[in-house]
Amino acid sequence: MVHDMRTISVTVSDGDYERFREAAAAEDRSIAQLIREAMALYRAERLDRRTPLEELPILLGHRPLLPLPSRAELYEEVFDEAGA
């Protein structure tokens, strides 16, 4: 049994309710489980603070050899290698 949980009421459109009902039935889960999972994902991606790479501590006396690449440069490298 899960403890430390609160009950909330949410009003949703008929279309959203139907889609979640269908997904819950297909996965043999409850709508509440799907909503809790969606809320946890939203929290992890948007609400919880993640430390930017530039702010992570480095060993005393050490520095990066070069400036860190941008997100666009990283994506380009990853997807170029995947397509090669």
PDB file of N, CA and C in Angstrom:
ATOM      1  N   MET A   1       0.833  -1.180   0.000  1.00  0.00           N
ATOM      2  CA  MET A   1       0.000   0.000   0.000  1.00  0.00           C
ATOM      3  C   MET A   1       0.880   1.246   0.000  1.00  0.00           C
ATOM      4  N   VAL A   2       0.547   2.223  -0.813  1.00  0.00           N
ATOM      5  CA  VAL A   2       1.304   3.465  -0.902  1.00  0.00           C
ATOM      6  C   VAL A   2       0.791   4.422   0.162  1.00  0.00           C
ATOM      7  N   HIS A   3       1.719   5.032   0.887  1.00  0.00           N
ATOM      8  CA  HIS A   3       1.352   5.978   1.940  1.00  0.00           C
ATOM      9  C   HIS A   3       1.726   7.383   1.503  1.00  0.00           C
ATOM     10  N   ASP A   4       1.351   8.360   2.307  1.00  0.00           N
ATOM     11  CA  ASP A   4       1.673   9.759   2.050  1.00  0.00           C
ATOM     12  C   ASP A   4       1.152  10.220   0.693  1.00  0.00           C
ATOM     13  N   MET A   5      -0.073   9.906   0.394  1.00  0.00           N
ATOM     14  CA  MET A   5      -0.679  10.339  -0.859  1.00  0.00           C
ATOM     15  C   MET A   5      -1.894  11.187  -0.541  1.00  0.00           C
ATOM     16  N   ARG A   6      -2.185  12.124  -1.438  1.00  0.00           N
ATOM     17  CA  ARG A   6      -3.345  12.994  -1.290  1.00  0.00           C
ATOM     18  C   ARG A   6      -4.315  12.733  -2.421  1.00  0.00           C
ATOM     19  N   THR A   7      -5.563  12.960  -2.147  1.00  0.00           N
ATOM     20  CA  THR A   7      -6.610  12.824  -3.147  1.00  0.00           C
ATOM     21  C   THR A   7      -6.845  14.178  -3.793  1.00  0.00           C
ATOM     22  N   ILE A   8      -6.933  14.191  -5.126  1.00  0.00           N
ATOM     23  CA  ILE A   8      -7.256  15.422  -5.838  1.00  0.00           C
ATOM     24  C   ILE A   8      -8.411  15.145  -6.786  1.00  0.00           C
ATOM     25  N   SER A   9      -9.113  16.195  -7.161  1.00  0.00           N
ATOM     26  CA  SER A   9     -10.189  16.090  -8.151  1.00  0.00           C
ATOM     27  C   SER A   9      -9.761  16.876  -9.375  1.00  0.00           C
ATOM     28  N   VAL A  10      -9.951  16.288 -10.520  1.00  0.00           N
ATOM     29  CA  VAL A  10      -9.563  16.928 -11.772  1.00  0.00           C
ATOM     30  C   VAL A  10     -10.714  16.776 -12.750  1.00  0.00           C
ATOM     31  N   THR A  11     -11.063  17.865 -13.406  1.00  0.00           N
ATOM     32  CA  THR A  11     -12.084  17.816 -14.441  1.00  0.00           C
ATOM     33  C   THR A  11     -11.373  17.750 -15.786  1.00  0.00           C
ATOM     34  N   VAL A  12     -11.737  16.762 -16.599  1.00  0.00           N
ATOM     35  CA  VAL A  12     -11.094  16.573 -17.903  1.00  0.00           C
ATOM     36  C   VAL A  12     -12.159  16.510 -18.989  1.00  0.00           C
ATOM     37  N   SER A  13     -11.723  16.698 -20.211  1.00  0.00           N
ATOM     38  CA  SER A  13     -12.668  16.610 -21.331  1.00  0.00           C
ATOM     39  C   SER A  13     -13.096  15.162 -21.544  1.00  0.00           C
ATOM     40  N   ASP A  14     -14.220  14.994 -22.210  1.00  0.00           N
ATOM     41  CA  ASP A  14     -14.688  13.639 -22.520  1.00  0.00           C
ATOM     42  C   ASP A  14     -13.650  12.885 -23.349  1.00  0.00           C
ATOM     43  N   GLY A  15     -13.029  13.582 -24.305  1.00  0.00           N
ATOM     44  CA  GLY A  15     -12.029  12.939 -25.161  1.00  0.00           C
ATOM     45  C   GLY A  15     -10.813  12.463 -24.385  1.00  0.00           C
ATOM     46  N   ASP A  16     -10.309  13.314 -23.478  1.00  0.00           N
ATOM     47  CA  ASP A  16      -9.159  12.912 -22.660  1.00  0.00           C
ATOM     48  C   ASP A  16      -9.517  11.738 -21.763  1.00  0.00           C
ATOM     49  N   TYR A  17     -10.698  11.802 -21.145  1.00  0.00           N
ATOM     50  CA  TYR A  17     -11.119  10.713 -20.272  1.00  0.00           C
ATOM     51  C   TYR A  17     -11.201   9.400 -21.050  1.00  0.00           C
ATOM     52  N   GLU A  18     -11.801   9.453 -22.221  1.00  0.00           N
ATOM     53  CA  GLU A  18     -11.962   8.234 -23.023  1.00  0.00           C
ATOM     54  C   GLU A  18     -10.607   7.653 -23.425  1.00  0.00           C
ATOM     55  N   ARG A  19      -9.681   8.511 -23.841  1.00  0.00           N
ATOM     56  CA  ARG A  19      -8.341   8.029 -24.230  1.00  0.00           C
ATOM     57  C   ARG A  19      -7.619   7.379 -23.061  1.00  0.00           C
ATOM     58  N   PHE A  20      -7.705   8.003 -21.880  1.00  0.00           N
ATOM     59  CA  PHE A  20      -7.059   7.413 -20.706  1.00  0.00           C
ATOM     60  C   PHE A  20      -7.757   6.124 -20.290  1.00  0.00           C
ATOM     61  N   ARG A  21      -9.084   6.077 -20.411  1.00  0.00           N
ATOM     62  CA  ARG A  21      -9.818   4.851 -20.080  1.00  0.00           C
ATOM     63  C   ARG A  21      -9.385   3.713 -20.986  1.00  0.00           C
ATOM     64  N   GLU A  22      -9.257   4.005 -22.290  1.00  0.00           N
ATOM     65  CA  GLU A  22      -8.826   2.987 -23.258  1.00  0.00           C
ATOM     66  C   GLU A  22      -7.389   2.537 -22.977  1.00  0.00           C
ATOM     67  N   ALA A  23      -6.510   3.492 -22.712  1.00  0.00           N
ATOM     68  CA  ALA A  23      -5.110   3.145 -22.436  1.00  0.00           C
ATOM     69  C   ALA A  23      -5.000   2.322 -21.157  1.00  0.00           C
ATOM     70  N   ALA A  24      -5.753   2.695 -20.143  1.00  0.00           N
ATOM     71  CA  ALA A  24      -5.719   1.956 -18.881  1.00  0.00           C
ATOM     72  C   ALA A  24      -6.206   0.520 -19.081  1.00  0.00           C
ATOM     73  N   ALA A  25      -7.277   0.366 -19.831  1.00  0.00           N
ATOM     74  CA  ALA A  25      -7.798  -0.982 -20.093  1.00  0.00           C
ATOM     75  C   ALA A  25      -6.793  -1.804 -20.891  1.00  0.00           C
ATOM     76  N   ALA A  26      -6.172  -1.194 -21.898  1.00  0.00           N
ATOM     77  CA  ALA A  26      -5.207  -1.913 -22.733  1.00  0.00           C
ATOM     78  C   ALA A  26      -3.984  -2.360 -21.933  1.00  0.00           C
ATOM     79  N   GLU A  27      -3.608  -1.574 -20.928  1.00  0.00           N
ATOM     80  CA  GLU A  27      -2.427  -1.893 -20.122  1.00  0.00           C
ATOM     81  C   GLU A  27      -2.777  -2.601 -18.819  1.00  0.00           C
ATOM     82  N   ASP A  28      -4.065  -2.904 -18.633  1.00  0.00           N
ATOM     83  CA  ASP A  28      -4.554  -3.549 -17.415  1.00  0.00           C
ATOM     84  C   ASP A  28      -4.116  -2.765 -16.175  1.00  0.00           C
ATOM     85  N   ARG A  29      -4.334  -1.446 -16.246  1.00  0.00           N
ATOM     86  CA  ARG A  29      -3.993  -0.544 -15.147  1.00  0.00           C
ATOM     87  C   ARG A  29      -5.169   0.384 -14.915  1.00  0.00           C
ATOM     88  N   SER A  30      -5.110   1.118 -13.846  1.00  0.00           N
ATOM     89  CA  SER A  30      -6.192   2.076 -13.576  1.00  0.00           C
ATOM     90  C   SER A  30      -5.847   3.425 -14.208  1.00  0.00           C
ATOM     91  N   ILE A  31      -6.886   4.224 -14.435  1.00  0.00           N
ATOM     92  CA  ILE A  31      -6.681   5.578 -14.935  1.00  0.00           C
ATOM     93  C   ILE A  31      -5.831   6.359 -13.928  1.00  0.00           C
ATOM     94  N   ALA A  32      -6.078   6.154 -12.656  1.00  0.00           N
ATOM     95  CA  ALA A  32      -5.322   6.854 -11.613  1.00  0.00           C
ATOM     96  C   ALA A  32      -3.827   6.549 -11.727  1.00  0.00           C
ATOM     97  N   GLN A  33      -3.481   5.287 -12.015  1.00  0.00           N
ATOM     98  CA  GLN A  33      -2.065   4.942 -12.185  1.00  0.00           C
ATOM     99  C   GLN A  33      -1.451   5.703 -13.350  1.00  0.00           C
ATOM    100  N   LEU A  34      -2.179   5.807 -14.448  1.00  0.00           N
ATOM    101  CA  LEU A  34      -1.664   6.526 -15.609  1.00  0.00           C
ATOM    102  C   LEU A  34      -1.484   8.014 -15.295  1.00  0.00           C
ATOM    103  N   ILE A  35      -2.427   8.589 -14.576  1.00  0.00           N
ATOM    104  CA  ILE A  35      -2.335  10.010 -14.229  1.00  0.00           C
ATOM    105  C   ILE A  35      -1.184  10.247 -13.258  1.00  0.00           C
ATOM    106  N   ARG A  36      -1.013   9.360 -12.273  1.00  0.00           N
ATOM    107  CA  ARG A  36       0.127   9.500 -11.352  1.00  0.00           C
ATOM    108  C   ARG A  36       1.447   9.418 -12.116  1.00  0.00           C
ATOM    109  N   GLU A  37       1.532   8.487 -13.070  1.00  0.00           N
ATOM    110  CA  GLU A  37       2.746   8.349 -13.879  1.00  0.00           C
ATOM    111  C   GLU A  37       2.989   9.604 -14.713  1.00  0.00           C
ATOM    112  N   ALA A  38       1.924  10.153 -15.299  1.00  0.00           N
ATOM    113  CA  ALA A  38       2.055  11.375 -16.095  1.00  0.00           C
ATOM    114  C   ALA A  38       2.507  12.545 -15.219  1.00  0.00           C
ATOM    115  N   MET A  39       1.971  12.631 -14.004  1.00  0.00           N
ATOM    116  CA  MET A  39       2.369  13.705 -13.098  1.00  0.00           C
ATOM    117  C   MET A  39       3.829  13.549 -12.680  1.00  0.00           C
ATOM    118  N   ALA A  40       4.266  12.322 -12.417  1.00  0.00           N
ATOM    119  CA  ALA A  40       5.663  12.085 -12.028  1.00  0.00           C
ATOM    120  C   ALA A  40       6.604  12.459 -13.166  1.00  0.00           C
ATOM    121  N   LEU A  41       6.215  12.130 -14.401  1.00  0.00           N
ATOM    122  CA  LEU A  41       7.034  12.476 -15.560  1.00  0.00           C
ATOM    123  C   LEU A  41       7.109  13.989 -15.727  1.00  0.00           C
ATOM    124  N   TYR A  42       5.999  14.675 -15.593  1.00  0.00           N
ATOM    125  CA  TYR A  42       5.976  16.140 -15.692  1.00  0.00           C
ATOM    126  C   TYR A  42       6.872  16.750 -14.623  1.00  0.00           C
ATOM    127  N   ARG A  43       6.766  16.220 -13.418  1.00  0.00           N
ATOM    128  CA  ARG A  43       7.601  16.736 -12.328  1.00  0.00           C
ATOM    129  C   ARG A  43       9.079  16.528 -12.620  1.00  0.00           C
ATOM    130  N   ALA A  44       9.453  15.347 -13.062  1.00  0.00           N
ATOM    131  CA  ALA A  44      10.860  15.052 -13.332  1.00  0.00           C
ATOM    132  C   ALA A  44      11.418  15.910 -14.464  1.00  0.00           C
ATOM    133  N   GLU A  45      10.600  16.147 -15.480  1.00  0.00           N
ATOM    134  CA  GLU A  45      11.080  16.886 -16.649  1.00  0.00           C
ATOM    135  C   GLU A  45      10.995  18.398 -16.492  1.00  0.00           C
ATOM    136  N   ARG A  46      10.052  18.888 -15.709  1.00  0.00           N
ATOM    137  CA  ARG A  46       9.826  20.330 -15.687  1.00  0.00           C
ATOM    138  C   ARG A  46       9.951  20.994 -14.330  1.00  0.00           C
ATOM    139  N   LEU A  47       9.722  20.261 -13.252  1.00  0.00           N
ATOM    140  CA  LEU A  47       9.678  20.902 -11.949  1.00  0.00           C
ATOM    141  C   LEU A  47      10.929  20.668 -11.100  1.00  0.00           C
ATOM    142  N   ASP A  48      11.464  19.466 -11.154  1.00  0.00           N
ATOM    143  CA  ASP A  48      12.642  19.168 -10.342  1.00  0.00           C
ATOM    144  C   ASP A  48      13.864  19.848 -10.945  1.00  0.00           C
ATOM    145  N   ARG A  49      14.614  20.502 -10.105  1.00  0.00           N
ATOM    146  CA  ARG A  49      15.795  21.218 -10.583  1.00  0.00           C
ATOM    147  C   ARG A  49      16.901  20.229 -10.878  1.00  0.00           C
ATOM    148  N   ARG A  50      17.445  20.356 -12.063  1.00  0.00           N
ATOM    149  CA  ARG A  50      18.605  19.561 -12.447  1.00  0.00           C
ATOM    150  C   ARG A  50      19.793  20.511 -12.543  1.00  0.00           C
ATOM    151  N   THR A  51      20.910  20.101 -12.025  1.00  0.00           N
ATOM    152  CA  THR A  51      22.094  20.938 -12.047  1.00  0.00           C
ATOM    153  C   THR A  51      22.680  20.944 -13.452  1.00  0.00           C
ATOM    154  N   PRO A  52      22.823  22.140 -14.046  1.00  0.00           N
ATOM    155  CA  PRO A  52      23.455  22.201 -15.369  1.00  0.00           C
ATOM    156  C   PRO A  52      24.880  21.663 -15.306  1.00  0.00           C
ATOM    157  N   LEU A  53      25.318  21.054 -16.375  1.00  0.00           N
ATOM    158  CA  LEU A  53      26.648  20.457 -16.433  1.00  0.00           C
ATOM    159  C   LEU A  53      27.728  21.463 -16.058  1.00  0.00           C
ATOM    160  N   GLU A  54      27.543  22.711 -16.480  1.00  0.00           N
ATOM    161  CA  GLU A  54      28.545  23.735 -16.176  1.00  0.00           C
ATOM    162  C   GLU A  54      28.685  23.987 -14.688  1.00  0.00           C
ATOM    163  N   GLU A  55      27.649  23.677 -13.902  1.00  0.00           N
ATOM    164  CA  GLU A  55      27.676  23.956 -12.469  1.00  0.00           C
ATOM    165  C   GLU A  55      28.135  22.768 -11.627  1.00  0.00           C
ATOM    166  N   LEU A  56      28.336  21.607 -12.242  1.00  0.00           N
ATOM    167  CA  LEU A  56      28.790  20.450 -11.473  1.00  0.00           C
ATOM    168  C   LEU A  56      30.208  20.700 -10.983  1.00  0.00           C
ATOM    169  N   PRO A  57      30.494  20.306  -9.746  1.00  0.00           N
ATOM    170  CA  PRO A  57      31.846  20.545  -9.235  1.00  0.00           C
ATOM    171  C   PRO A  57      32.871  19.698  -9.980  1.00  0.00           C
ATOM    172  N   ILE A  58      34.035  20.260 -10.144  1.00  0.00           N
ATOM    173  CA  ILE A  58      35.138  19.520 -10.753  1.00  0.00           C
ATOM    174  C   ILE A  58      36.238  19.388  -9.710  1.00  0.00           C
ATOM    175  N   LEU A  59      37.179  18.515  -9.943  1.00  0.00           N
ATOM    176  CA  LEU A  59      38.261  18.316  -8.989  1.00  0.00           C
ATOM    177  C   LEU A  59      39.065  19.593  -8.833  1.00  0.00           C
ATOM    178  N   LEU A  60      39.446  19.863  -7.627  1.00  0.00           N
ATOM    179  CA  LEU A  60      40.231  21.050  -7.338  1.00  0.00           C
ATOM    180  C   LEU A  60      41.491  21.072  -8.194  1.00  0.00           C
ATOM    181  N   GLY A  61      41.739  22.187  -8.845  1.00  0.00           N
ATOM    182  CA  GLY A  61      42.930  22.310  -9.679  1.00  0.00           C
ATOM    183  C   GLY A  61      42.743  21.815 -11.093  1.00  0.00           C
ATOM    184  N   HIS A  62      41.545  21.298 -11.418  1.00  0.00           N
ATOM    185  CA  HIS A  62      41.275  20.798 -12.764  1.00  0.00           C
ATOM    186  C   HIS A  62      40.264  21.705 -13.452  1.00  0.00           C
ATOM    187  N   ARG A  63      40.380  21.805 -14.738  1.00  0.00           N
ATOM    188  CA  ARG A  63      39.446  22.577 -15.551  1.00  0.00           C
ATOM    189  C   ARG A  63      39.135  21.797 -16.817  1.00  0.00           C
ATOM    190  N   PRO A  64      38.003  22.073 -17.421  1.00  0.00           N
ATOM    191  CA  PRO A  64      37.741  21.445 -18.727  1.00  0.00           C
ATOM    192  C   PRO A  64      38.812  21.895 -19.723  1.00  0.00           C
ATOM    193  N   LEU A  65      39.228  20.997 -20.591  1.00  0.00           N
ATOM    194  CA  LEU A  65      40.242  21.336 -21.587  1.00  0.00           C
ATOM    195  C   LEU A  65      39.700  22.294 -22.635  1.00  0.00           C
ATOM    196  N   LEU A  66      38.433  22.131 -22.976  1.00  0.00           N
ATOM    197  CA  LEU A  66      37.789  22.967 -23.991  1.00  0.00           C
ATOM    198  C   LEU A  66      36.420  23.398 -23.465  1.00  0.00           C
ATOM    199  N   PRO A  67      35.830  24.419 -24.065  1.00  0.00           N
ATOM    200  CA  PRO A  67      34.459  24.779 -23.667  1.00  0.00           C
ATOM    201  C   PRO A  67      33.511  23.604 -23.925  1.00  0.00           C
ATOM    202  N   LEU A  68      32.506  23.490 -23.078  1.00  0.00           N
ATOM    203  CA  LEU A  68      31.536  22.410 -23.247  1.00  0.00           C
ATOM    204  C   LEU A  68      30.713  22.648 -24.506  1.00  0.00           C
ATOM    205  N   PRO A  69      30.358  21.571 -25.223  1.00  0.00           N
ATOM    206  CA  PRO A  69      29.548  21.739 -26.441  1.00  0.00           C
ATOM    207  C   PRO A  69      28.125  22.148 -26.095  1.00  0.00           C
ATOM    208  N   SER A  70      27.476  22.775 -27.046  1.00  0.00           N
ATOM    209  CA  SER A  70      26.077  23.151 -26.860  1.00  0.00           C
ATOM    210  C   SER A  70      25.193  21.920 -27.028  1.00  0.00           C
ATOM    211  N   ARG A  71      23.960  22.040 -26.617  1.00  0.00           N
ATOM    212  CA  ARG A  71      23.003  20.942 -26.784  1.00  0.00           C
ATOM    213  C   ARG A  71      22.859  20.587 -28.268  1.00  0.00           C
ATOM    214  N   ALA A  72      22.798  21.612 -29.125  1.00  0.00           N
ATOM    215  CA  ALA A  72      22.658  21.384 -30.565  1.00  0.00           C
ATOM    216  C   ALA A  72      23.861  20.608 -31.104  1.00  0.00           C
ATOM    217  N   GLU A  73      25.046  20.948 -30.639  1.00  0.00           N
ATOM    218  CA  GLU A  73      26.247  20.233 -31.089  1.00  0.00           C
ATOM    219  C   GLU A  73      26.236  18.780 -30.635  1.00  0.00           C
ATOM    220  N   LEU A  74      25.767  18.546 -29.422  1.00  0.00           N
ATOM    221  CA  LEU A  74      25.679  17.166 -28.932  1.00  0.00           C
ATOM    222  C   LEU A  74      24.687  16.350 -29.753  1.00  0.00           C
ATOM    223  N   TYR A  75      23.500  16.932 -30.006  1.00  0.00           N
ATOM    224  CA  TYR A  75      22.498  16.228 -30.808  1.00  0.00           C
ATOM    225  C   TYR A  75      23.039  15.938 -32.207  1.00  0.00           C
ATOM    226  N   GLU A  76      23.696  16.912 -32.782  1.00  0.00           N
ATOM    227  CA  GLU A  76      24.251  16.733 -34.117  1.00  0.00           C
ATOM    228  C   GLU A  76      25.249  15.575 -34.133  1.00  0.00           C
ATOM    229  N   GLU A  77      26.104  15.529 -33.141  1.00  0.00           N
ATOM    230  CA  GLU A  77      27.099  14.455 -33.059  1.00  0.00           C
ATOM    231  C   GLU A  77      26.439  13.097 -32.892  1.00  0.00           C
ATOM    232  N   VAL A  78      25.457  13.021 -31.994  1.00  0.00           N
ATOM    233  CA  VAL A  78      24.788  11.750 -31.731  1.00  0.00           C
ATOM    234  C   VAL A  78      24.053  11.253 -32.981  1.00  0.00           C
ATOM    235  N   PHE A  79      23.282  12.145 -33.621  1.00  0.00           N
ATOM    236  CA  PHE A  79      22.475  11.714 -34.752  1.00  0.00           C
ATOM    237  C   PHE A  79      23.286  11.523 -36.012  1.00  0.00           C
ATOM    238  N   ASP A  80      24.384  12.246 -36.181  1.00  0.00           N
ATOM    239  CA  ASP A  80      25.255  12.026 -37.325  1.00  0.00           C
ATOM    240  C   ASP A  80      25.911  10.663 -37.255  1.00  0.00           C
ATOM    241  N   GLU A  81      26.343  10.271 -36.045  1.00  0.00           N
ATOM    242  CA  GLU A  81      26.977   8.962 -35.879  1.00  0.00           C
ATOM    243  C   GLU A  81      25.961   7.842 -36.052  1.00  0.00           C
ATOM    244  N   ALA A  82      24.728   8.066 -35.601  1.00  0.00           N
ATOM    245  CA  ALA A  82      23.697   7.038 -35.735  1.00  0.00           C
ATOM    246  C   ALA A  82      23.346   6.808 -37.194  1.00  0.00           C
ATOM    247  N   GLY A  83      23.393   7.874 -38.000  1.00  0.00           N
ATOM    248  CA  GLY A  83      23.042   7.744 -39.413  1.00  0.00           C
ATOM    249  C   GLY A  83      24.207   7.300 -40.274  1.00  0.00           C
ATOM    250  N   ALA A  84      25.418   7.348 -39.732  1.00  0.00           N
ATOM    251  CA  ALA A  84      26.603   6.998 -40.525  1.00  0.00           C
ATOM    252  C   ALA A  84      26.769   5.521 -40.696  1.00  0.00           C
TER     253      ALA A  84
END
